C-alpha atoms as a PDB file:
ATOM      1  CA  MET A   1      19.658   0.865 -18.779  1.00  0.00           C
ATOM      2  CA  ALA A   2      21.342  -0.127 -22.003  1.00  0.00           C
ATOM      3  CA  ASN A   3      18.832   1.725 -24.269  1.00  0.00           C
ATOM      4  CA  VAL A   4      19.893   5.192 -25.456  1.00  0.00           C
ATOM      5  CA  GLN A   5      16.534   6.336 -26.832  1.00  0.00           C
ATOM      6  CA  PRO A   6      13.649   6.587 -24.338  1.00  0.00           C
ATOM      7  CA  LEU A   7      11.243   3.669 -24.472  1.00  0.00           C
ATOM      8  CA  GLU A   8       7.551   4.253 -25.053  1.00  0.00           C
ATOM      9  CA  ARG A   9       6.572   2.864 -21.634  1.00  0.00           C
ATOM     10  CA  LEU A  10       8.218   1.328 -18.572  1.00  0.00           C
ATOM     11  CA  VAL A  11       6.478  -0.249 -15.603  1.00  0.00           C
ATOM     12  CA  VAL A  12       8.615  -0.412 -12.455  1.00  0.00           C
ATOM     13  CA  GLY A  13       7.731  -2.137  -9.216  1.00  0.00           C
ATOM     14  CA  TYR A  14       8.704  -0.939  -5.741  1.00  0.00           C
ATOM     15  CA  GLN A  15       7.734  -1.915  -2.205  1.00  0.00           C
ATOM     16  CA  GLY A  16       5.408   0.449  -0.375  1.00  0.00           C
ATOM     17  CA  GLY A  17       3.134   3.307  -1.305  1.00  0.00           C
ATOM     18  CA  PRO A  18       3.636   6.645  -3.071  1.00  0.00           C
ATOM     19  CA  GLY A  19       6.225   8.641  -1.166  1.00  0.00           C
ATOM     20  CA  ALA A  20       8.048   5.585   0.166  1.00  0.00           C
ATOM     21  CA  PHE A  21      11.817   5.879  -0.106  1.00  0.00           C
ATOM     22  CA  SER A  22      11.804   3.072  -2.704  1.00  0.00           C
ATOM     23  CA  HIS A  23       9.240   5.045  -4.718  1.00  0.00           C
ATOM     24  CA  ILE A  24      11.464   8.133  -4.635  1.00  0.00           C
ATOM     25  CA  ALA A  25      14.534   6.119  -5.681  1.00  0.00           C
ATOM     26  CA  ALA A  26      12.688   4.344  -8.510  1.00  0.00           C
ATOM     27  CA  ARG A  27      11.414   7.628  -9.926  1.00  0.00           C
ATOM     28  CA  ARG A  28      14.913   9.129  -9.865  1.00  0.00           C
ATOM     29  CA  HIS A  29      16.622   6.042 -11.323  1.00  0.00           C
ATOM     30  CA  PHE A  30      14.258   5.698 -14.296  1.00  0.00           C
ATOM     31  CA  ASP A  31      13.657   9.398 -14.934  1.00  0.00           C
ATOM     32  CA  GLY A  32      13.920  10.108 -18.673  1.00  0.00           C
ATOM     33  CA  ARG A  33      14.251   6.453 -19.696  1.00  0.00           C
ATOM     34  CA  ALA A  34      10.719   6.169 -21.028  1.00  0.00           C
ATOM     35  CA  LYS A  35       8.100   8.502 -22.447  1.00  0.00           C
ATOM     36  CA  SER A  36       5.657   6.972 -19.967  1.00  0.00           C
ATOM     37  CA  LEU A  37       6.870   5.734 -16.575  1.00  0.00           C
ATOM     38  CA  ASP A  38       4.448   3.823 -14.362  1.00  0.00           C
ATOM     39  CA  LEU A  39       5.538   3.118 -10.781  1.00  0.00           C
ATOM     40  CA  VAL A  40       3.604   0.302  -9.110  1.00  0.00           C
ATOM     41  CA  GLY A  41       3.713  -0.258  -5.360  1.00  0.00           C
ATOM     42  CA  PHE A  42       3.628  -3.720  -3.762  1.00  0.00           C
ATOM     43  CA  LYS A  43       3.025  -4.727  -0.167  1.00  0.00           C
ATOM     44  CA  ASP A  44       6.141  -6.911   0.044  1.00  0.00           C
ATOM     45  CA  PHE A  45       9.327  -7.836  -1.812  1.00  0.00           C
ATOM     46  CA  SER A  46       8.139 -11.322  -2.739  1.00  0.00           C
ATOM     47  CA  SER A  47       4.977 -10.218  -4.551  1.00  0.00           C
ATOM     48  CA  MET A  48       6.972  -7.506  -6.332  1.00  0.00           C
ATOM     49  CA  LEU A  49       9.521  -9.990  -7.689  1.00  0.00           C
ATOM     50  CA  GLU A  50       6.787 -12.462  -8.640  1.00  0.00           C
ATOM     51  CA  ALA A  51       5.179  -9.664 -10.664  1.00  0.00           C
ATOM     52  CA  LEU A  52       8.524  -9.134 -12.390  1.00  0.00           C
ATOM     53  CA  LYS A  53       8.800 -12.836 -13.246  1.00  0.00           C
ATOM     54  CA  SER A  54       5.257 -12.864 -14.636  1.00  0.00           C
ATOM     55  CA  GLU A  55       6.057  -9.771 -16.770  1.00  0.00           C
ATOM     56  CA  SER A  56       3.531  -7.561 -14.978  1.00  0.00           C
ATOM     57  CA  VAL A  57       6.373  -5.082 -14.424  1.00  0.00           C
ATOM     58  CA  ASP A  58       9.542  -4.482 -16.450  1.00  0.00           C
ATOM     59  CA  TYR A  59      11.899  -3.876 -13.524  1.00  0.00           C
ATOM     60  CA  ALA A  60      11.783  -3.942  -9.747  1.00  0.00           C
ATOM     61  CA  LEU A  61      13.696  -1.879  -7.187  1.00  0.00           C
ATOM     62  CA  LEU A  62      14.821  -4.040  -4.265  1.00  0.00           C
ATOM     63  CA  PRO A  63      16.382  -2.574  -1.085  1.00  0.00           C
ATOM     64  CA  ILE A  64      19.366  -4.729  -0.156  1.00  0.00           C
ATOM     65  CA  GLU A  65      21.238  -2.922   2.635  1.00  0.00           C
ATOM     66  CA  ASN A  66      20.990   0.082   4.899  1.00  0.00           C
ATOM     67  CA  SER A  67      23.920   2.040   6.280  1.00  0.00           C
ATOM     68  CA  ILE A  68      22.491   1.762   9.821  1.00  0.00           C
ATOM     69  CA  ALA A  69      20.363  -1.401   9.927  1.00  0.00           C
ATOM     70  CA  GLY A  70      22.755  -3.450   7.752  1.00  0.00           C
ATOM     71  CA  SER A  71      21.883  -6.122   5.210  1.00  0.00           C
ATOM     72  CA  ILE A  72      18.269  -6.927   4.353  1.00  0.00           C
ATOM     73  CA  ASN A  73      18.359 -10.712   4.589  1.00  0.00           C
ATOM     74  CA  GLU A  74      14.995 -11.266   2.938  1.00  0.00           C
ATOM     75  CA  SER A  75      16.272  -9.585  -0.232  1.00  0.00           C
ATOM     76  CA  TYR A  76      19.337 -11.831  -0.419  1.00  0.00           C
ATOM     77  CA  ASP A  77      17.217 -14.942   0.125  1.00  0.00           C
ATOM     78  CA  LEU A  78      14.792 -13.935  -2.630  1.00  0.00           C
ATOM     79  CA  LEU A  79      17.632 -13.346  -5.088  1.00  0.00           C
ATOM     80  CA  LYS A  80      18.929 -16.829  -4.318  1.00  0.00           C
ATOM     81  CA  SER A  81      15.550 -18.478  -4.882  1.00  0.00           C
ATOM     82  CA  MET A  82      14.510 -16.619  -8.043  1.00  0.00           C
ATOM     83  CA  ASP A  83      16.082 -16.708 -11.497  1.00  0.00           C
ATOM     84  CA  LEU A  84      16.474 -12.940 -11.796  1.00  0.00           C
ATOM     85  CA  TYR A  85      19.335 -10.533 -12.531  1.00  0.00           C
ATOM     86  CA  LEU A  86      20.736  -7.245 -11.270  1.00  0.00           C
ATOM     87  CA  VAL A  87      21.077  -4.463 -13.844  1.00  0.00           C
ATOM     88  CA  GLY A  88      21.533  -1.333 -11.735  1.00  0.00           C
ATOM     89  CA  GLU A  89      21.726   0.178  -8.281  1.00  0.00           C
ATOM     90  CA  GLU A  90      20.517   3.319  -6.550  1.00  0.00           C
ATOM     91  CA  ILE A  91      21.562   4.901  -3.239  1.00  0.00           C
ATOM     92  CA  GLN A  92      18.696   6.625  -1.435  1.00  0.00           C
ATOM     93  CA  ARG A  93      19.213   9.113   1.393  1.00  0.00           C
ATOM     94  CA  VAL A  94      16.690   8.353   4.136  1.00  0.00           C
ATOM     95  CA  VAL A  95      15.388  11.379   6.042  1.00  0.00           C
ATOM     96  CA  HIS A  96      12.732  10.446   8.579  1.00  0.00           C
ATOM     97  CA  CYS A  97      10.070  13.071   9.327  1.00  0.00           C
ATOM     98  CA  LEU A  98       7.294  13.225  11.905  1.00  0.00           C
ATOM     99  CA  ILE A  99       3.980  13.804  10.133  1.00  0.00           C
ATOM    100  CA  ALA A 100       0.531  14.541  11.577  1.00  0.00           C
ATOM    101  CA  LEU A 101      -2.914  15.691  10.431  1.00  0.00           C
ATOM    102  CA  GLU A 102      -2.238  19.278  11.435  1.00  0.00           C
ATOM    103  CA  GLU A 103       0.395  21.458  13.070  1.00  0.00           C
ATOM    104  CA  VAL A 104       0.447  20.100  16.626  1.00  0.00           C
ATOM    105  CA  ASP A 105       2.896  19.883  19.503  1.00  0.00           C
ATOM    106  CA  PRO A 106       4.700  16.538  18.980  1.00  0.00           C
ATOM    107  CA  LYS A 107       4.282  15.802  22.695  1.00  0.00           C
ATOM    108  CA  SER A 108       0.505  15.756  22.232  1.00  0.00           C
ATOM    109  CA  LEU A 109       0.665  12.682  19.984  1.00  0.00           C
ATOM    110  CA  VAL A 110      -0.505   9.444  21.589  1.00  0.00           C
ATOM    111  CA  ARG A 111       0.487   7.083  18.749  1.00  0.00           C
ATOM    112  CA  VAL A 112       3.030   7.122  15.934  1.00  0.00           C
ATOM    113  CA  TYR A 113       2.971   4.570  13.091  1.00  0.00           C
ATOM    114  CA  SER A 114       5.831   3.541  10.830  1.00  0.00           C
ATOM    115  CA  HIS A 115       7.844   0.631   9.496  1.00  0.00           C
ATOM    116  CA  PRO A 116       9.650  -1.201  12.352  1.00  0.00           C
ATOM    117  CA  VAL A 117      13.078  -0.221  10.979  1.00  0.00           C
ATOM    118  CA  ALA A 118      12.107   3.457  10.852  1.00  0.00           C
ATOM    119  CA  LEU A 119      10.805   3.300  14.424  1.00  0.00           C
ATOM    120  CA  SER A 120      14.037   1.688  15.612  1.00  0.00           C
ATOM    121  CA  GLN A 121      16.075   4.398  13.880  1.00  0.00           C
ATOM    122  CA  CYS A 122      14.141   7.162  15.675  1.00  0.00           C
ATOM    123  CA  ARG A 123      14.216   5.771  19.231  1.00  0.00           C
ATOM    124  CA  ARG A 124      15.790   8.830  20.842  1.00  0.00           C
ATOM    125  CA  PHE A 125      13.259  11.208  19.368  1.00  0.00           C
ATOM    126  CA  LEU A 126      10.335   8.946  20.233  1.00  0.00           C
ATOM    127  CA  ALA A 127      11.605   8.764  23.816  1.00  0.00           C
ATOM    128  CA  THR A 128      11.005  12.529  24.107  1.00  0.00           C
ATOM    129  CA  LEU A 129       7.272  12.057  23.505  1.00  0.00           C
ATOM    130  CA  PRO A 130       5.972  11.200  26.996  1.00  0.00           C
ATOM    131  CA  VAL A 131       2.546   9.736  26.158  1.00  0.00           C
ATOM    132  CA  CYS A 132       3.274   8.392  22.686  1.00  0.00           C
ATOM    133  CA  HIS A 133       3.149   4.701  21.733  1.00  0.00           C
ATOM    134  CA  ALA A 134       5.146   3.601  18.673  1.00  0.00           C
ATOM    135  CA  GLU A 135       3.227   1.120  16.523  1.00  0.00           C
ATOM    136  CA  ALA A 136       4.714  -0.902  13.676  1.00  0.00           C
ATOM    137  CA  TYR A 137       3.180  -0.575  10.214  1.00  0.00           C
ATOM    138  CA  HIS A 138       4.160  -2.415   7.020  1.00  0.00           C
ATOM    139  CA  ASP A 139       5.370   0.709   5.187  1.00  0.00           C
ATOM    140  CA  THR A 140       6.372   4.274   6.035  1.00  0.00           C
ATOM    141  CA  ALA A 141       4.348   5.973   3.300  1.00  0.00           C
ATOM    142  CA  GLU A 142       1.315   3.758   3.902  1.00  0.00           C
ATOM    143  CA  ALA A 143       1.483   4.786   7.566  1.00  0.00           C
ATOM    144  CA  VAL A 144       0.840   8.369   6.417  1.00  0.00           C
ATOM    145  CA  ALA A 145      -2.194   7.211   4.421  1.00  0.00           C
ATOM    146  CA  HIS A 146      -3.355   5.360   7.535  1.00  0.00           C
ATOM    147  CA  ILE A 147      -3.318   8.370   9.863  1.00  0.00           C
ATOM    148  CA  LYS A 148      -5.037  10.455   7.194  1.00  0.00           C
ATOM    149  CA  ALA A 149      -7.820   7.858   7.015  1.00  0.00           C
ATOM    150  CA  LEU A 150      -8.108   7.776  10.822  1.00  0.00           C
ATOM    151  CA  GLY A 151      -8.646  11.543  10.956  1.00  0.00           C
ATOM    152  CA  ASP A 152      -7.357  11.789  14.533  1.00  0.00           C
ATOM    153  CA  PRO A 153      -4.930  14.684  15.226  1.00  0.00           C
ATOM    154  CA  ALA A 154      -3.409  12.690  18.099  1.00  0.00           C
ATOM    155  CA  GLN A 155      -2.034  10.111  15.620  1.00  0.00           C
ATOM    156  CA  GLY A 156       1.243  10.594  13.747  1.00  0.00           C
ATOM    157  CA  ALA A 157       3.505   8.794  11.302  1.00  0.00           C
ATOM    158  CA  ILE A 158       7.198   8.662  10.476  1.00  0.00           C
ATOM    159  CA  ALA A 159       7.915   8.800   6.758  1.00  0.00           C
ATOM    160  CA  SER A 160       9.476  10.913   4.023  1.00  0.00           C
ATOM    161  CA  GLU A 161       8.656  14.549   3.404  1.00  0.00           C
ATOM    162  CA  GLU A 162       7.459  13.429  -0.028  1.00  0.00           C
ATOM    163  CA  ALA A 163       4.839  11.147   1.564  1.00  0.00           C
ATOM    164  CA  ALA A 164       3.548  14.088   3.601  1.00  0.00           C
ATOM    165  CA  ARG A 165       3.357  16.266   0.484  1.00  0.00           C
ATOM    166  CA  LEU A 166       1.513  13.633  -1.555  1.00  0.00           C
ATOM    167  CA  HIS A 167      -1.108  13.241   1.193  1.00  0.00           C
ATOM    168  CA  GLY A 168      -1.378  16.964   1.877  1.00  0.00           C
ATOM    169  CA  LEU A 169      -0.241  16.677   5.504  1.00  0.00           C
ATOM    170  CA  PRO A 170       2.258  18.825   7.413  1.00  0.00           C
ATOM    171  CA  VAL A 171       5.718  17.752   8.533  1.00  0.00           C
ATOM    172  CA  ILE A 172       5.905  18.468  12.275  1.00  0.00           C
ATOM    173  CA  VAL A 173       9.624  17.717  12.757  1.00  0.00           C
ATOM    174  CA  ARG A 174      12.212  16.945  10.066  1.00  0.00           C
ATOM    175  CA  ASP A 175      15.228  14.641  10.246  1.00  0.00           C
ATOM    176  CA  ILE A 176      14.421  12.862  13.508  1.00  0.00           C
ATOM    177  CA  ALA A 177      16.618   9.762  13.126  1.00  0.00           C
ATOM    178  CA  ASP A 178      19.197   8.970  15.805  1.00  0.00           C
ATOM    179  CA  VAL A 179      21.900   8.888  13.096  1.00  0.00           C
ATOM    180  CA  PRO A 180      21.445  11.562  10.403  1.00  0.00           C
ATOM    181  CA  GLU A 181      23.680   9.910   7.789  1.00  0.00           C
ATOM    182  CA  ASN A 182      21.204   7.222   6.744  1.00  0.00           C
ATOM    183  CA  TYR A 183      21.303   5.605   3.294  1.00  0.00           C
ATOM    184  CA  THR A 184      19.665   2.589   1.689  1.00  0.00           C
ATOM    185  CA  ARG A 185      21.269   0.786  -1.231  1.00  0.00           C
ATOM    186  CA  MET A 186      18.756  -0.612  -3.704  1.00  0.00           C
ATOM    187  CA  VAL A 187      19.344  -2.873  -6.687  1.00  0.00           C
ATOM    188  CA  VAL A 188      17.439  -2.828  -9.964  1.00  0.00           C
ATOM    189  CA  VAL A 189      16.182  -6.335 -10.742  1.00  0.00           C
ATOM    190  CA  ALA A 190      15.312  -7.604 -14.235  1.00  0.00           C
ATOM    191  CA  ARG A 191      14.312 -10.855 -15.923  1.00  0.00           C
ATOM    192  CA  GLU A 192      17.421 -10.863 -18.121  1.00  0.00           C
ATOM    193  CA  PRO A 193      20.981  -9.600 -17.641  1.00  0.00           C
ATOM    194  CA  GLU A 194      22.070  -6.441 -19.429  1.00  0.00           C
ATOM    195  CA  ARG A 195      25.480  -5.549 -20.859  1.00  0.00           C
ATOM    196  CA  PHE A 196      27.268  -2.247 -20.376  1.00  0.00           C
ATOM    197  CA  PRO A 197      30.305  -0.813 -22.190  1.00  0.00           C
ATOM    198  CA  ILE A 198      33.656  -1.781 -20.715  1.00  0.00           C
ATOM    199  CA  ASP A 199      34.514   1.875 -19.986  1.00  0.00           C
ATOM    200  CA  VAL A 200      31.474   2.284 -17.677  1.00  0.00           C
ATOM    201  CA  PRO A 201      32.524   1.776 -14.016  1.00  0.00           C
ATOM    202  CA  CYS A 202      30.600  -1.322 -12.963  1.00  0.00           C
ATOM    203  CA  LYS A 203      30.033  -3.668 -10.086  1.00  0.00           C
ATOM    204  CA  THR A 204      29.461  -7.413 -10.470  1.00  0.00           C
ATOM    205  CA  SER A 205      27.317  -9.368  -7.998  1.00  0.00           C
ATOM    206  CA  LEU A 206      27.626 -13.131  -7.432  1.00  0.00           C
ATOM    207  CA  ILE A 207      26.150 -15.942  -5.390  1.00  0.00           C
ATOM    208  CA  PHE A 208      28.404 -18.907  -4.676  1.00  0.00           C
ATOM    209  CA  GLY A 209      28.713 -21.924  -2.429  1.00  0.00           C
ATOM    210  CA  THR A 210      31.897 -23.594  -1.176  1.00  0.00           C
ATOM    211  CA  LYS A 211      32.791 -26.982   0.173  1.00  0.00           C
ATOM    212  CA  HIS A 212      32.485 -27.261   3.935  1.00  0.00           C
ATOM    213  CA  GLU A 213      36.223 -27.452   4.529  1.00  0.00           C
ATOM    214  CA  ARG A 214      39.056 -25.385   5.926  1.00  0.00           C
ATOM    215  CA  GLY A 215      40.181 -22.473   3.749  1.00  0.00           C
ATOM    216  CA  ALA A 216      37.415 -22.835   1.153  1.00  0.00           C
ATOM    217  CA  LEU A 217      36.217 -19.222   1.399  1.00  0.00           C
ATOM    218  CA  ALA A 218      39.774 -17.885   1.628  1.00  0.00           C
ATOM    219  CA  ARG A 219      40.629 -19.578  -1.700  1.00  0.00           C
ATOM    220  CA  CYS A 220      37.691 -17.827  -3.360  1.00  0.00           C
ATOM    221  CA  ILE A 221      38.710 -14.427  -2.040  1.00  0.00           C
ATOM    222  CA  GLN A 222      42.315 -15.051  -3.093  1.00  0.00           C
ATOM    223  CA  VAL A 223      41.233 -15.630  -6.694  1.00  0.00           C
ATOM    224  CA  LEU A 224      39.814 -12.107  -6.794  1.00  0.00           C
ATOM    225  CA  ALA A 225      42.793 -10.612  -4.959  1.00  0.00           C
ATOM    226  CA  ASP A 226      45.224 -12.222  -7.402  1.00  0.00           C
ATOM    227  CA  ARG A 227      43.403 -10.471 -10.236  1.00  0.00           C
ATOM    228  CA  GLY A 228      43.527  -7.115  -8.436  1.00  0.00           C
ATOM    229  CA  LEU A 229      39.753  -6.901  -8.008  1.00  0.00           C
ATOM    230  CA  ASN A 230      38.266  -4.876  -5.159  1.00  0.00           C
ATOM    231  CA  LEU A 231      35.713  -6.717  -3.024  1.00  0.00           C
ATOM    232  CA  THR A 232      33.011  -4.283  -1.836  1.00  0.00           C
ATOM    233  CA  LYS A 233      30.509  -6.613  -0.148  1.00  0.00           C
ATOM    234  CA  LEU A 234      30.510 -10.136   1.283  1.00  0.00           C
ATOM    235  CA  GLU A 235      27.400 -11.561   2.912  1.00  0.00           C
ATOM    236  CA  SER A 236      26.674 -15.088   4.127  1.00  0.00           C
ATOM    237  CA  ARG A 237      23.263 -16.721   4.337  1.00  0.00           C
ATOM    238  CA  PRO A 238      22.407 -20.226   5.606  1.00  0.00           C
ATOM    239  CA  ARG A 239      21.877 -23.048   3.131  1.00  0.00           C
ATOM    240  CA  LEU A 240      18.385 -24.340   3.805  1.00  0.00           C
ATOM    241  CA  GLY A 241      18.419 -28.032   4.676  1.00  0.00           C
ATOM    242  CA  THR A 242      22.147 -28.119   5.431  1.00  0.00           C
ATOM    243  CA  PRO A 243      22.772 -26.660   8.916  1.00  0.00           C
ATOM    244  CA  TRP A 244      26.014 -24.701   9.417  1.00  0.00           C
ATOM    245  CA  GLU A 245      26.696 -24.437   5.691  1.00  0.00           C
ATOM    246  CA  TYR A 246      26.318 -21.166   3.814  1.00  0.00           C
ATOM    247  CA  HIS A 247      25.875 -19.414   0.517  1.00  0.00           C
ATOM    248  CA  PHE A 248      27.890 -16.253  -0.035  1.00  0.00           C
ATOM    249  CA  TYR A 249      26.801 -13.073  -1.782  1.00  0.00           C
ATOM    250  CA  LEU A 250      29.653 -11.036  -3.144  1.00  0.00           C
ATOM    251  CA  ASP A 251      30.010  -7.683  -4.875  1.00  0.00           C
ATOM    252  CA  VAL A 252      33.233  -6.864  -6.684  1.00  0.00           C
ATOM    253  CA  GLU A 253      34.219  -3.797  -8.655  1.00  0.00           C
ATOM    254  CA  GLY A 254      34.486  -4.630 -12.345  1.00  0.00           C
ATOM    255  CA  ASN A 255      32.527  -5.469 -15.488  1.00  0.00           C
ATOM    256  CA  GLN A 256      32.103  -8.984 -16.896  1.00  0.00           C
ATOM    257  CA  ALA A 257      33.018  -7.455 -20.253  1.00  0.00           C
ATOM    258  CA  ASP A 258      36.531  -6.864 -18.889  1.00  0.00           C
ATOM    259  CA  PRO A 259      38.728  -9.871 -19.781  1.00  0.00           C
ATOM    260  CA  ASN A 260      40.422  -9.698 -16.368  1.00  0.00           C
ATOM    261  CA  VAL A 261      37.060  -9.927 -14.567  1.00  0.00           C
ATOM    262  CA  ALA A 262      35.882 -12.707 -16.897  1.00  0.00           C
ATOM    263  CA  ALA A 263      39.063 -14.671 -16.177  1.00  0.00           C
ATOM    264  CA  ALA A 264      38.611 -14.213 -12.428  1.00  0.00           C
ATOM    265  CA  LEU A 265      35.036 -15.515 -12.632  1.00  0.00           C
ATOM    266  CA  ALA A 266      36.186 -18.531 -14.622  1.00  0.00           C
ATOM    267  CA  GLU A 267      38.821 -19.296 -11.968  1.00  0.00           C
ATOM    268  CA  LEU A 268      36.263 -18.764  -9.202  1.00  0.00           C
ATOM    269  CA  ALA A 269      34.002 -21.353 -10.823  1.00  0.00           C
ATOM    270  CA  GLN A 270      36.803 -23.906 -10.399  1.00  0.00           C
ATOM    271  CA  VAL A 271      37.056 -23.434  -6.610  1.00  0.00           C
ATOM    272  CA  THR A 272      33.334 -23.193  -5.768  1.00  0.00           C
ATOM    273  CA  GLU A 273      30.639 -25.855  -5.611  1.00  0.00           C
ATOM    274  CA  GLU A 274      28.210 -23.547  -7.365  1.00  0.00           C
ATOM    275  CA  LEU A 275      28.462 -20.063  -8.844  1.00  0.00           C
ATOM    276  CA  ARG A 276      25.747 -17.800 -10.209  1.00  0.00           C
ATOM    277  CA  ILE A 277      26.499 -14.382 -11.640  1.00  0.00           C
ATOM    278  CA  LEU A 278      23.649 -12.023 -10.795  1.00  0.00           C
ATOM    279  CA  GLY A 279      24.946  -9.395 -13.196  1.00  0.00           C
ATOM    280  CA  SER A 280      27.267  -6.493 -13.898  1.00  0.00           C
ATOM    281  CA  TYR A 281      25.788  -3.003 -13.644  1.00  0.00           C
ATOM    282  CA  PRO A 282      26.907   0.638 -13.368  1.00  0.00           C
ATOM    283  CA  ILE A 283      28.071   1.781  -9.940  1.00  0.00           C
ATOM    284  CA  CYS A 284      25.755   4.411  -8.489  1.00  0.00           C
ATOM    285  CA  ALA A 285      27.594   7.717  -8.161  1.00  0.00           C
ATOM    286  CA  ASN A 286      25.429   9.014  -5.253  1.00  0.00           C
END
């Protein structure tokens, strides 16, 4: 964040339980930024962001896209509906592990719990377990807590190695995803925007709407191209109440403090029906 000296205390919200990938990313992102760092888990994104708005937490870490599963639509919709800002990002490597109560043959497991996305990313491995049923759970790390509470060695979970360590359970098989190169991009959400020096490589995120007419989106993109700005993400989401019309979420390399970026945003405001700048923040180097 913008502060150079560590704060006395920071409270950061994340979705899931201790050992969830969001928990790991939040701890890494805020390491050293406060003398006391409290990480608070929430069951879902909505309750986490409501806690941020009510000042129960100082920041929240929100997963926004995965290199395999794609965009997380719920996150984009929540950013549209809430008056919040982006002040950072973190890229988290996702390594799925099979976890059980004790060292057992994976083929002896009759049930494996995990988040639906994690289960879908481990289909090939799960197909090698002949009597195993995959069951969706609301969080990967909480699935580990669940099998520990059940106390049945025939039950397993898919989660991070960190979740296994925190619950004192063994990892039976590491890195079981169908695609090993698996990353989740998360954004740091705050109640107010933050400013960063112009020499810090930044990304700026926007939400905008266009008129429902030919070439409207192309004109918006051209504004950025004319200023030499690199577009890194473009996502569309339906406008509620207006079928077949959309809001667009856009990430562009550059800092609002840069006069060229500021001029581009001013021009973009002239060719859009609405424009909201979610914030400029340092690009994650991971």
